[in-house]
Amino acid sequence: MPEPIISSPNDLLSDRRVLTGLVGSPIKHSASPAMHEWAGLTLGLRLHYHLIDIPGLDREGLRAVFEGVRRLGFAGVNVTFPYKEAVVALLDELSPGAAAMQAVNTVVVREGRLIGHNTDATGFARAARGLVAGTNAGPVALIGAGGVGKAIGFALSELGVSDLRIFDTDKTKAETLARALDGRSRATLPASIEAALDGAVGLVNGTPIGMLPNRDTPVPDALLHGDLWVADAVYSPLWTPLLKAATARGAKVMTGRDLAVYQAADAFELFTGLAPSADEMAKAFDAVMAKRMAASGAS
């Protein structure tokens, strides 16, 4: 899998150039540049995906960043932690899904207007469809109701989960998501993680807990068991402490790989108007993960 966007002199002849990127922090471990640039190359585009890693932006600082996105020729950018909710108020328009969630992970520039979408929701729905359908109907515990947690909550609702238990250490966030899901799924707010998992058939981590350099887990190992499926939105590392513990206890698990790939594919199509191959984007993702494991000496 070549790393540079230009793999041969012929690539320089392409007259279709696309500038995209990612706003968030910390994002140096992101696999998005490789996925988007490789997808562009396979479709004959010279696409550059720029990491805009700026921690601690307040409202005005974030506004300045997106004014730059508006004016500097970007087709659009992805947005990640911690700005998925903060950016909403700075945009000119929201897709219906993003408006319902009040969370955005993809901003498209169209005729000078910033339009917010949420491909975390569509991506998670694509990634988890088989996992959810292949288990008995029952309660699903969602840990985290922030930017990605909101998207996952809507995706689970779309997948037919009728009993969703939302837990967040910030109870206001959990309450906000439960209200947004009203009429879509029955959402309850358990007082603890233990209560959220009592009798649950599924568990999703929608928090950044476990994302490098953090090595914690959002759920005590003792609560995991073989009758549970477990999904993690984190993909750096791919096998988080939560997923390792769940696997050791016989649970069926889903890493953050498919969510990362499918949300990227949906965002790429919004940026360029072209449908990329999710399989090709997955190859680029896997190459990044393999290189990272080799560099760390992991087996």
C-alpha atoms as a PDB file:
ATOM      1  CA  MET A   1       0.000   0.000   0.000  1.00  0.00           C
ATOM      2  CA  PRO A   2       1.759   3.208  -1.124  1.00  0.00           C
ATOM      3  CA  GLU A   3       1.781   6.031   1.394  1.00  0.00           C
ATOM      4  CA  PRO A   4       2.214   9.117  -0.818  1.00  0.00           C
ATOM      5  CA  ILE A   5      -0.722  10.498  -2.750  1.00  0.00           C
ATOM      6  CA  ILE A   6       1.392  10.603  -5.946  1.00  0.00           C
ATOM      7  CA  SER A   7       2.573   7.117  -6.889  1.00  0.00           C
ATOM      8  CA  SER A   8       3.579   7.788 -10.497  1.00  0.00           C
ATOM      9  CA  PRO A   9       4.284  10.801 -12.755  1.00  0.00           C
ATOM     10  CA  ASN A  10       0.936  10.239 -14.481  1.00  0.00           C
ATOM     11  CA  ASP A  11      -0.844  11.183 -11.261  1.00  0.00           C
ATOM     12  CA  LEU A  12       0.472  14.722 -11.724  1.00  0.00           C
ATOM     13  CA  LEU A  13      -1.660  15.032 -14.857  1.00  0.00           C
ATOM     14  CA  SER A  14      -4.939  14.817 -12.936  1.00  0.00           C
ATOM     15  CA  ASP A  15      -6.817  18.121 -13.060  1.00  0.00           C
ATOM     16  CA  ARG A  16      -9.136  17.190 -10.196  1.00  0.00           C
ATOM     17  CA  ARG A  17      -7.594  18.370  -6.925  1.00  0.00           C
ATOM     18  CA  VAL A  18      -9.417  18.110  -3.626  1.00  0.00           C
ATOM     19  CA  LEU A  19      -8.407  19.570  -0.256  1.00  0.00           C
ATOM     20  CA  THR A  20      -9.964  18.026   2.841  1.00  0.00           C
ATOM     21  CA  GLY A  21      -8.886  17.426   6.423  1.00  0.00           C
ATOM     22  CA  LEU A  22      -9.658  16.765  10.054  1.00  0.00           C
ATOM     23  CA  VAL A  23     -10.166  19.209  12.921  1.00  0.00           C
ATOM     24  CA  GLY A  24      -9.661  17.918  16.462  1.00  0.00           C
ATOM     25  CA  SER A  25      -7.082  17.031  19.085  1.00  0.00           C
ATOM     26  CA  PRO A  26      -5.195  14.789  19.645  1.00  0.00           C
ATOM     27  CA  ILE A  27      -5.291  13.379  16.109  1.00  0.00           C
ATOM     28  CA  LYS A  28      -1.725  12.458  15.186  1.00  0.00           C
ATOM     29  CA  HIS A  29      -2.721   8.756  15.238  1.00  0.00           C
ATOM     30  CA  SER A  30      -5.580   9.288  12.752  1.00  0.00           C
ATOM     31  CA  ALA A  31      -5.825   6.827   9.870  1.00  0.00           C
ATOM     32  CA  SER A  32      -8.048   9.246   7.953  1.00  0.00           C
ATOM     33  CA  PRO A  33      -5.326  10.776   5.734  1.00  0.00           C
ATOM     34  CA  ALA A  34      -4.329   7.347   4.433  1.00  0.00           C
ATOM     35  CA  MET A  35      -7.923   6.260   3.820  1.00  0.00           C
ATOM     36  CA  HIS A  36      -9.036   9.419   2.038  1.00  0.00           C
ATOM     37  CA  GLU A  37      -5.886   9.937  -0.013  1.00  0.00           C
ATOM     38  CA  TRP A  38      -5.774   6.307  -1.144  1.00  0.00           C
ATOM     39  CA  ALA A  39      -9.478   6.406  -2.069  1.00  0.00           C
ATOM     40  CA  GLY A  40      -8.828   9.566  -4.041  1.00  0.00           C
ATOM     41  CA  LEU A  41      -5.920   8.002  -5.891  1.00  0.00           C
ATOM     42  CA  THR A  42      -8.017   4.980  -6.883  1.00  0.00           C
ATOM     43  CA  LEU A  43     -10.598   7.369  -8.369  1.00  0.00           C
ATOM     44  CA  GLY A  44      -8.101   9.558 -10.218  1.00  0.00           C
ATOM     45  CA  LEU A  45      -8.143  12.465  -7.763  1.00  0.00           C
ATOM     46  CA  ARG A  46      -5.204  14.326  -6.283  1.00  0.00           C
ATOM     47  CA  LEU A  47      -6.642  14.580  -2.791  1.00  0.00           C
ATOM     48  CA  HIS A  48      -4.804  15.976   0.217  1.00  0.00           C
ATOM     49  CA  TYR A  49      -6.156  15.314   3.704  1.00  0.00           C
ATOM     50  CA  HIS A  50      -4.699  17.774   6.211  1.00  0.00           C
ATOM     51  CA  LEU A  51      -4.622  17.217   9.980  1.00  0.00           C
ATOM     52  CA  ILE A  52      -5.613  20.401  11.846  1.00  0.00           C
ATOM     53  CA  ASP A  53      -4.604  19.469  15.387  1.00  0.00           C
ATOM     54  CA  ILE A  54      -5.309  22.407  17.709  1.00  0.00           C
ATOM     55  CA  PRO A  55      -6.151  21.656  21.335  1.00  0.00           C
ATOM     56  CA  GLY A  56      -8.227  23.831  23.637  1.00  0.00           C
ATOM     57  CA  LEU A  57     -10.034  25.983  21.090  1.00  0.00           C
ATOM     58  CA  ASP A  58     -12.730  28.237  22.501  1.00  0.00           C
ATOM     59  CA  ARG A  59     -15.731  29.313  20.436  1.00  0.00           C
ATOM     60  CA  GLU A  60     -13.924  32.167  18.705  1.00  0.00           C
ATOM     61  CA  GLY A  61     -10.854  30.073  18.013  1.00  0.00           C
ATOM     62  CA  LEU A  62     -12.996  27.336  16.482  1.00  0.00           C
ATOM     63  CA  ARG A  63     -14.883  29.941  14.456  1.00  0.00           C
ATOM     64  CA  ALA A  64     -11.567  31.210  13.070  1.00  0.00           C
ATOM     65  CA  VAL A  65     -10.548  27.700  12.032  1.00  0.00           C
ATOM     66  CA  PHE A  66     -13.800  27.159  10.156  1.00  0.00           C
ATOM     67  CA  GLU A  67     -13.630  30.559   8.506  1.00  0.00           C
ATOM     68  CA  GLY A  68     -10.312  29.323   7.149  1.00  0.00           C
ATOM     69  CA  VAL A  69     -11.972  26.124   5.951  1.00  0.00           C
ATOM     70  CA  ARG A  70     -14.639  28.247   4.254  1.00  0.00           C
ATOM     71  CA  ARG A  71     -12.175  30.538   2.479  1.00  0.00           C
ATOM     72  CA  LEU A  72      -9.082  28.458   1.732  1.00  0.00           C
ATOM     73  CA  GLY A  73     -10.414  26.055  -0.871  1.00  0.00           C
ATOM     74  CA  PHE A  74     -11.397  23.084   1.277  1.00  0.00           C
ATOM     75  CA  ALA A  75     -14.066  20.769  -0.109  1.00  0.00           C
ATOM     76  CA  GLY A  76     -14.797  20.038   3.535  1.00  0.00           C
ATOM     77  CA  VAL A  77     -13.343  18.654   6.737  1.00  0.00           C
ATOM     78  CA  ASN A  78     -14.098  15.993   9.267  1.00  0.00           C
ATOM     79  CA  VAL A  79     -14.486  16.984  12.909  1.00  0.00           C
ATOM     80  CA  THR A  80     -13.544  14.858  15.883  1.00  0.00           C
ATOM     81  CA  PHE A  81     -13.102  15.069  19.650  1.00  0.00           C
ATOM     82  CA  PRO A  82     -13.537  17.535  21.287  1.00  0.00           C
ATOM     83  CA  TYR A  83     -15.342  19.710  18.731  1.00  0.00           C
ATOM     84  CA  LYS A  84     -18.215  17.617  17.320  1.00  0.00           C
ATOM     85  CA  GLU A  85     -20.849  19.452  19.354  1.00  0.00           C
ATOM     86  CA  ALA A  86     -19.170  22.855  19.654  1.00  0.00           C
ATOM     87  CA  VAL A  87     -18.997  23.280  15.878  1.00  0.00           C
ATOM     88  CA  VAL A  88     -22.759  22.948  15.384  1.00  0.00           C
ATOM     89  CA  ALA A  89     -23.557  26.557  16.243  1.00  0.00           C
ATOM     90  CA  LEU A  90     -20.905  27.847  13.802  1.00  0.00           C
ATOM     91  CA  LEU A  91     -22.343  26.253  10.667  1.00  0.00           C
ATOM     92  CA  ASP A  92     -24.705  27.689   8.071  1.00  0.00           C
ATOM     93  CA  GLU A  93     -26.818  24.557   7.657  1.00  0.00           C
ATOM     94  CA  LEU A  94     -27.257  21.070   9.105  1.00  0.00           C
ATOM     95  CA  SER A  95     -28.455  17.867   7.498  1.00  0.00           C
ATOM     96  CA  PRO A  96     -31.633  16.513   9.132  1.00  0.00           C
ATOM     97  CA  GLY A  97     -29.669  13.821  10.968  1.00  0.00           C
ATOM     98  CA  ALA A  98     -27.040  16.202  12.294  1.00  0.00           C
ATOM     99  CA  ALA A  99     -29.751  18.645  13.350  1.00  0.00           C
ATOM    100  CA  ALA A 100     -31.543  15.930  15.329  1.00  0.00           C
ATOM    101  CA  MET A 101     -28.316  14.835  17.024  1.00  0.00           C
ATOM    102  CA  GLN A 102     -26.776  18.287  17.432  1.00  0.00           C
ATOM    103  CA  ALA A 103     -23.431  16.681  16.642  1.00  0.00           C
ATOM    104  CA  VAL A 104     -21.361  16.928  13.459  1.00  0.00           C
ATOM    105  CA  ASN A 105     -18.359  14.967  12.244  1.00  0.00           C
ATOM    106  CA  THR A 106     -18.342  16.116   8.611  1.00  0.00           C
ATOM    107  CA  VAL A 107     -18.534  19.681   7.308  1.00  0.00           C
ATOM    108  CA  VAL A 108     -18.941  20.220   3.569  1.00  0.00           C
ATOM    109  CA  VAL A 109     -18.235  23.548   1.870  1.00  0.00           C
ATOM    110  CA  ARG A 110     -20.782  24.387  -0.828  1.00  0.00           C
ATOM    111  CA  GLU A 111     -20.732  27.824  -2.523  1.00  0.00           C
ATOM    112  CA  GLY A 112     -19.161  29.359   0.556  1.00  0.00           C
ATOM    113  CA  ARG A 113     -21.598  27.762   2.988  1.00  0.00           C
ATOM    114  CA  LEU A 114     -20.609  25.340   5.743  1.00  0.00           C
ATOM    115  CA  ILE A 115     -23.005  22.373   5.891  1.00  0.00           C
ATOM    116  CA  GLY A 116     -22.830  19.879   8.751  1.00  0.00           C
ATOM    117  CA  HIS A 117     -23.444  16.134   8.461  1.00  0.00           C
ATOM    118  CA  ASN A 118     -22.916  13.135  10.697  1.00  0.00           C
ATOM    119  CA  THR A 119     -21.340  10.098   9.061  1.00  0.00           C
ATOM    120  CA  ASP A 120     -20.520   8.566  12.454  1.00  0.00           C
ATOM    121  CA  ALA A 121     -24.207   7.617  12.589  1.00  0.00           C
ATOM    122  CA  THR A 122     -24.397   6.217   9.066  1.00  0.00           C
ATOM    123  CA  GLY A 123     -20.998   4.567   9.468  1.00  0.00           C
ATOM    124  CA  PHE A 124     -21.845   2.854  12.747  1.00  0.00           C
ATOM    125  CA  ALA A 125     -25.162   1.645  11.341  1.00  0.00           C
ATOM    126  CA  ARG A 126     -23.316   0.025   8.422  1.00  0.00           C
ATOM    127  CA  ALA A 127     -20.640  -1.431  10.689  1.00  0.00           C
ATOM    128  CA  ALA A 128     -22.903  -2.875  13.387  1.00  0.00           C
ATOM    129  CA  ARG A 129     -25.871  -4.062  11.330  1.00  0.00           C
ATOM    130  CA  GLY A 130     -24.855  -7.723  11.341  1.00  0.00           C
ATOM    131  CA  LEU A 131     -23.791  -7.662  14.979  1.00  0.00           C
ATOM    132  CA  VAL A 132     -27.100  -6.252  16.184  1.00  0.00           C
ATOM    133  CA  ALA A 133     -29.222  -8.406  13.883  1.00  0.00           C
ATOM    134  CA  GLY A 134     -27.371 -11.553  14.896  1.00  0.00           C
ATOM    135  CA  THR A 135     -28.239 -11.313  18.587  1.00  0.00           C
ATOM    136  CA  ASN A 136     -31.477 -11.701  20.478  1.00  0.00           C
ATOM    137  CA  ALA A 137     -33.475  -8.530  20.948  1.00  0.00           C
ATOM    138  CA  GLY A 138     -32.790  -6.978  24.300  1.00  0.00           C
ATOM    139  CA  PRO A 139     -31.394  -3.925  26.049  1.00  0.00           C
ATOM    140  CA  VAL A 140     -28.194  -2.328  24.752  1.00  0.00           C
ATOM    141  CA  ALA A 141     -25.968  -0.256  27.022  1.00  0.00           C
ATOM    142  CA  LEU A 142     -24.359   2.835  25.505  1.00  0.00           C
ATOM    143  CA  ILE A 143     -21.515   4.341  27.517  1.00  0.00           C
ATOM    144  CA  GLY A 144     -20.991   7.970  26.557  1.00  0.00           C
ATOM    145  CA  ALA A 145     -23.431  10.529  25.201  1.00  0.00           C
ATOM    146  CA  GLY A 146     -21.034  13.063  23.716  1.00  0.00           C
ATOM    147  CA  GLY A 147     -20.394  13.664  20.018  1.00  0.00           C
ATOM    148  CA  VAL A 148     -19.813  10.077  18.891  1.00  0.00           C
ATOM    149  CA  GLY A 149     -22.146   8.662  21.553  1.00  0.00           C
ATOM    150  CA  LYS A 150     -25.021  10.680  20.121  1.00  0.00           C
ATOM    151  CA  ALA A 151     -24.346   9.327  16.645  1.00  0.00           C
ATOM    152  CA  ILE A 152     -24.149   5.761  17.920  1.00  0.00           C
ATOM    153  CA  GLY A 153     -27.426   6.201  19.822  1.00  0.00           C
ATOM    154  CA  PHE A 154     -29.198   7.267  16.626  1.00  0.00           C
ATOM    155  CA  ALA A 155     -27.574   4.445  14.673  1.00  0.00           C
ATOM    156  CA  LEU A 156     -28.688   1.837  17.225  1.00  0.00           C
ATOM    157  CA  SER A 157     -32.202   3.222  17.010  1.00  0.00           C
ATOM    158  CA  GLU A 158     -32.100   2.904  13.215  1.00  0.00           C
ATOM    159  CA  LEU A 159     -30.930  -0.706  13.615  1.00  0.00           C
ATOM    160  CA  GLY A 160     -34.044  -1.521  15.623  1.00  0.00           C
ATOM    161  CA  VAL A 161     -32.727  -1.380  19.185  1.00  0.00           C
ATOM    162  CA  SER A 162     -35.868  -0.493  21.098  1.00  0.00           C
ATOM    163  CA  ASP A 163     -34.415  -0.500  24.617  1.00  0.00           C
ATOM    164  CA  LEU A 164     -31.345   1.710  24.911  1.00  0.00           C
ATOM    165  CA  ARG A 165     -29.668   2.372  28.245  1.00  0.00           C
ATOM    166  CA  ILE A 166     -27.530   5.504  28.175  1.00  0.00           C
ATOM    167  CA  PHE A 167     -24.887   6.144  30.802  1.00  0.00           C
ATOM    168  CA  ASP A 168     -22.608   9.169  30.942  1.00  0.00           C
ATOM    169  CA  THR A 169     -20.765  10.648  33.912  1.00  0.00           C
ATOM    170  CA  ASP A 170     -22.268  13.944  32.716  1.00  0.00           C
ATOM    171  CA  LYS A 171     -25.939  13.185  33.332  1.00  0.00           C
ATOM    172  CA  THR A 172     -27.037  16.237  31.359  1.00  0.00           C
ATOM    173  CA  LYS A 173     -25.518  14.765  28.197  1.00  0.00           C
ATOM    174  CA  ALA A 174     -27.334  11.472  28.739  1.00  0.00           C
ATOM    175  CA  GLU A 175     -30.617  13.304  29.320  1.00  0.00           C
ATOM    176  CA  THR A 176     -30.127  15.366  26.155  1.00  0.00           C
ATOM    177  CA  LEU A 177     -29.561  12.254  24.039  1.00  0.00           C
ATOM    178  CA  ALA A 178     -32.558  10.477  25.578  1.00  0.00           C
ATOM    179  CA  ARG A 179     -34.788  13.428  24.674  1.00  0.00           C
ATOM    180  CA  ALA A 180     -33.414  13.516  21.123  1.00  0.00           C
ATOM    181  CA  LEU A 181     -34.251   9.819  20.711  1.00  0.00           C
ATOM    182  CA  ASP A 182     -37.796  10.233  21.997  1.00  0.00           C
ATOM    183  CA  GLY A 183     -40.144   8.577  19.511  1.00  0.00           C
ATOM    184  CA  ARG A 184     -37.319   6.542  17.960  1.00  0.00           C
ATOM    185  CA  SER A 185     -36.282   4.224  20.806  1.00  0.00           C
ATOM    186  CA  ARG A 186     -37.053   3.797  24.468  1.00  0.00           C
ATOM    187  CA  ALA A 187     -34.074   5.406  26.177  1.00  0.00           C
ATOM    188  CA  THR A 188     -33.498   5.080  29.914  1.00  0.00           C
ATOM    189  CA  LEU A 189     -30.836   6.568  32.161  1.00  0.00           C
ATOM    190  CA  PRO A 190     -29.431   3.987  34.578  1.00  0.00           C
ATOM    191  CA  ALA A 191     -27.697   5.327  37.660  1.00  0.00           C
ATOM    192  CA  SER A 192     -24.548   3.266  37.123  1.00  0.00           C
ATOM    193  CA  ILE A 193     -22.673   1.191  34.572  1.00  0.00           C
ATOM    194  CA  GLU A 194     -23.625  -1.888  36.578  1.00  0.00           C
ATOM    195  CA  ALA A 195     -27.310  -1.040  36.185  1.00  0.00           C
ATOM    196  CA  ALA A 196     -26.864  -0.288  32.485  1.00  0.00           C
ATOM    197  CA  LEU A 197     -25.415  -3.760  31.878  1.00  0.00           C
ATOM    198  CA  ASP A 198     -27.862  -5.714  34.035  1.00  0.00           C
ATOM    199  CA  GLY A 199     -29.563  -8.046  31.544  1.00  0.00           C
ATOM    200  CA  ALA A 200     -28.151  -6.218  28.509  1.00  0.00           C
ATOM    201  CA  VAL A 201     -27.344  -8.122  25.303  1.00  0.00           C
ATOM    202  CA  GLY A 202     -25.029  -5.461  23.905  1.00  0.00           C
ATOM    203  CA  LEU A 203     -22.546  -2.808  25.012  1.00  0.00           C
ATOM    204  CA  VAL A 204     -21.036   0.080  23.057  1.00  0.00           C
ATOM    205  CA  ASN A 205     -18.231   2.345  24.230  1.00  0.00           C
ATOM    206  CA  GLY A 206     -18.908   5.771  22.757  1.00  0.00           C
ATOM    207  CA  THR A 207     -16.261   7.549  24.857  1.00  0.00           C
ATOM    208  CA  PRO A 208     -12.550   8.200  24.146  1.00  0.00           C
ATOM    209  CA  ILE A 209     -11.621   6.039  27.158  1.00  0.00           C
ATOM    210  CA  GLY A 210      -9.040   3.528  25.975  1.00  0.00           C
ATOM    211  CA  MET A 211      -7.759   5.718  23.120  1.00  0.00           C
ATOM    212  CA  LEU A 212      -4.005   6.136  23.178  1.00  0.00           C
ATOM    213  CA  PRO A 213      -2.294   7.360  25.250  1.00  0.00           C
ATOM    214  CA  ASN A 214      -5.131   6.448  27.642  1.00  0.00           C
ATOM    215  CA  ARG A 215      -5.121   2.771  28.636  1.00  0.00           C
ATOM    216  CA  ASP A 216      -8.198   2.692  30.852  1.00  0.00           C
ATOM    217  CA  THR A 217     -11.481   0.878  30.280  1.00  0.00           C
ATOM    218  CA  PRO A 218     -14.977   2.381  30.639  1.00  0.00           C
ATOM    219  CA  VAL A 219     -16.448  -0.855  32.048  1.00  0.00           C
ATOM    220  CA  PRO A 220     -15.138  -3.057  34.881  1.00  0.00           C
ATOM    221  CA  ASP A 221     -13.952  -6.394  33.516  1.00  0.00           C
ATOM    222  CA  ALA A 222     -16.163  -8.303  35.954  1.00  0.00           C
ATOM    223  CA  LEU A 223     -19.305  -7.033  34.171  1.00  0.00           C
ATOM    224  CA  LEU A 224     -18.338  -8.645  30.852  1.00  0.00           C
ATOM    225  CA  HIS A 225     -19.484 -12.133  29.871  1.00  0.00           C
ATOM    226  CA  GLY A 226     -20.012 -14.488  26.951  1.00  0.00           C
ATOM    227  CA  ASP A 227     -23.675 -13.631  26.346  1.00  0.00           C
ATOM    228  CA  LEU A 228     -22.798 -10.009  25.564  1.00  0.00           C
ATOM    229  CA  TRP A 229     -21.675  -8.369  22.350  1.00  0.00           C
ATOM    230  CA  VAL A 230     -19.276  -5.459  22.781  1.00  0.00           C
ATOM    231  CA  ALA A 231     -18.365  -2.708  20.324  1.00  0.00           C
ATOM    232  CA  ASP A 232     -15.824   0.082  20.751  1.00  0.00           C
ATOM    233  CA  ALA A 233     -15.711   3.306  18.759  1.00  0.00           C
ATOM    234  CA  VAL A 234     -11.999   3.714  19.556  1.00  0.00           C
ATOM    235  CA  TYR A 235      -9.570   2.369  16.951  1.00  0.00           C
ATOM    236  CA  SER A 236      -6.231   3.609  18.273  1.00  0.00           C
ATOM    237  CA  PRO A 237      -5.390   1.058  19.546  1.00  0.00           C
ATOM    238  CA  LEU A 238      -7.578  -1.302  17.551  1.00  0.00           C
ATOM    239  CA  TRP A 239      -7.750  -3.740  20.461  1.00  0.00           C
ATOM    240  CA  THR A 240      -8.625  -1.576  23.428  1.00  0.00           C
ATOM    241  CA  PRO A 241      -8.446  -2.802  27.023  1.00  0.00           C
ATOM    242  CA  LEU A 242     -12.254  -3.158  26.920  1.00  0.00           C
ATOM    243  CA  LEU A 243     -12.210  -5.382  23.833  1.00  0.00           C
ATOM    244  CA  LYS A 244      -9.349  -7.511  25.127  1.00  0.00           C
ATOM    245  CA  ALA A 245     -11.213  -8.125  28.381  1.00  0.00           C
ATOM    246  CA  ALA A 246     -14.481  -8.840  26.544  1.00  0.00           C
ATOM    247  CA  THR A 247     -12.764 -11.340  24.244  1.00  0.00           C
ATOM    248  CA  ALA A 248     -11.172 -13.091  27.212  1.00  0.00           C
ATOM    249  CA  ARG A 249     -14.659 -13.603  28.649  1.00  0.00           C
ATOM    250  CA  GLY A 250     -16.106 -15.021  25.449  1.00  0.00           C
ATOM    251  CA  ALA A 251     -18.052 -11.968  24.253  1.00  0.00           C
ATOM    252  CA  LYS A 252     -18.511 -11.274  20.558  1.00  0.00           C
ATOM    253  CA  VAL A 253     -16.709  -8.023  19.789  1.00  0.00           C
ATOM    254  CA  MET A 254     -16.441  -5.338  17.122  1.00  0.00           C
ATOM    255  CA  THR A 255     -13.376  -3.112  16.932  1.00  0.00           C
ATOM    256  CA  GLY A 256     -13.498   0.480  15.760  1.00  0.00           C
ATOM    257  CA  ARG A 257     -12.171  -0.536  12.332  1.00  0.00           C
ATOM    258  CA  ASP A 258     -15.452  -0.774  10.431  1.00  0.00           C
ATOM    259  CA  LEU A 259     -16.849   2.414  11.969  1.00  0.00           C
ATOM    260  CA  ALA A 260     -13.656   4.245  10.975  1.00  0.00           C
ATOM    261  CA  VAL A 261     -13.842   2.916   7.415  1.00  0.00           C
ATOM    262  CA  TYR A 262     -17.551   3.413   6.777  1.00  0.00           C
ATOM    263  CA  GLN A 263     -17.765   6.902   8.279  1.00  0.00           C
ATOM    264  CA  ALA A 264     -14.764   7.854   6.139  1.00  0.00           C
ATOM    265  CA  ALA A 265     -16.354   6.410   3.000  1.00  0.00           C
ATOM    266  CA  ASP A 266     -19.573   8.339   3.607  1.00  0.00           C
ATOM    267  CA  ALA A 267     -17.629  11.547   4.280  1.00  0.00           C
ATOM    268  CA  PHE A 268     -15.500  11.089   1.150  1.00  0.00           C
ATOM    269  CA  GLU A 269     -18.645  10.867  -0.962  1.00  0.00           C
ATOM    270  CA  LEU A 270     -19.986  14.064   0.604  1.00  0.00           C
ATOM    271  CA  PHE A 271     -16.690  15.875  -0.080  1.00  0.00           C
ATOM    272  CA  THR A 272     -16.206  14.718  -3.665  1.00  0.00           C
ATOM    273  CA  GLY A 273     -19.552  13.488  -5.012  1.00  0.00           C
ATOM    274  CA  LEU A 274     -17.876  10.169  -5.807  1.00  0.00           C
ATOM    275  CA  ALA A 275     -18.592   6.874  -4.046  1.00  0.00           C
ATOM    276  CA  PRO A 276     -15.293   5.314  -2.938  1.00  0.00           C
ATOM    277  CA  SER A 277     -14.604   1.636  -2.447  1.00  0.00           C
ATOM    278  CA  ALA A 278     -14.957   0.861   1.255  1.00  0.00           C
ATOM    279  CA  ASP A 279     -12.756  -2.176   0.636  1.00  0.00           C
ATOM    280  CA  GLU A 280      -9.959   0.025  -0.702  1.00  0.00           C
ATOM    281  CA  MET A 281     -10.294   2.397   2.250  1.00  0.00           C
ATOM    282  CA  ALA A 282     -10.141  -0.613   4.571  1.00  0.00           C
ATOM    283  CA  LYS A 283      -6.880  -1.692   2.914  1.00  0.00           C
ATOM    284  CA  ALA A 284      -5.396   1.716   3.653  1.00  0.00           C
ATOM    285  CA  PHE A 285      -6.654   1.570   7.245  1.00  0.00           C
ATOM    286  CA  ASP A 286      -5.164  -1.897   7.728  1.00  0.00           C
ATOM    287  CA  ALA A 287      -1.830  -0.747   6.317  1.00  0.00           C
ATOM    288  CA  VAL A 288      -1.685   2.079   8.847  1.00  0.00           C
ATOM    289  CA  MET A 289      -2.502  -0.281  11.712  1.00  0.00           C
ATOM    290  CA  ALA A 290       0.087  -2.833  10.551  1.00  0.00           C
ATOM    291  CA  LYS A 291       2.779  -0.191  10.301  1.00  0.00           C
ATOM    292  CA  ARG A 292       1.894   1.115  13.743  1.00  0.00           C
ATOM    293  CA  MET A 293       2.049  -2.352  15.289  1.00  0.00           C
ATOM    294  CA  ALA A 294       5.407  -3.023  13.648  1.00  0.00           C
ATOM    295  CA  ALA A 295       6.793   0.276  14.942  1.00  0.00           C
ATOM    296  CA  SER A 296       5.627  -0.512  18.475  1.00  0.00           C
ATOM    297  CA  GLY A 297       7.011  -4.029  18.362  1.00  0.00           C
ATOM    298  CA  ALA A 298       3.527  -5.489  18.990  1.00  0.00           C
ATOM    299  CA  SER A 299       2.760  -8.974  17.770  1.00  0.00           C
END
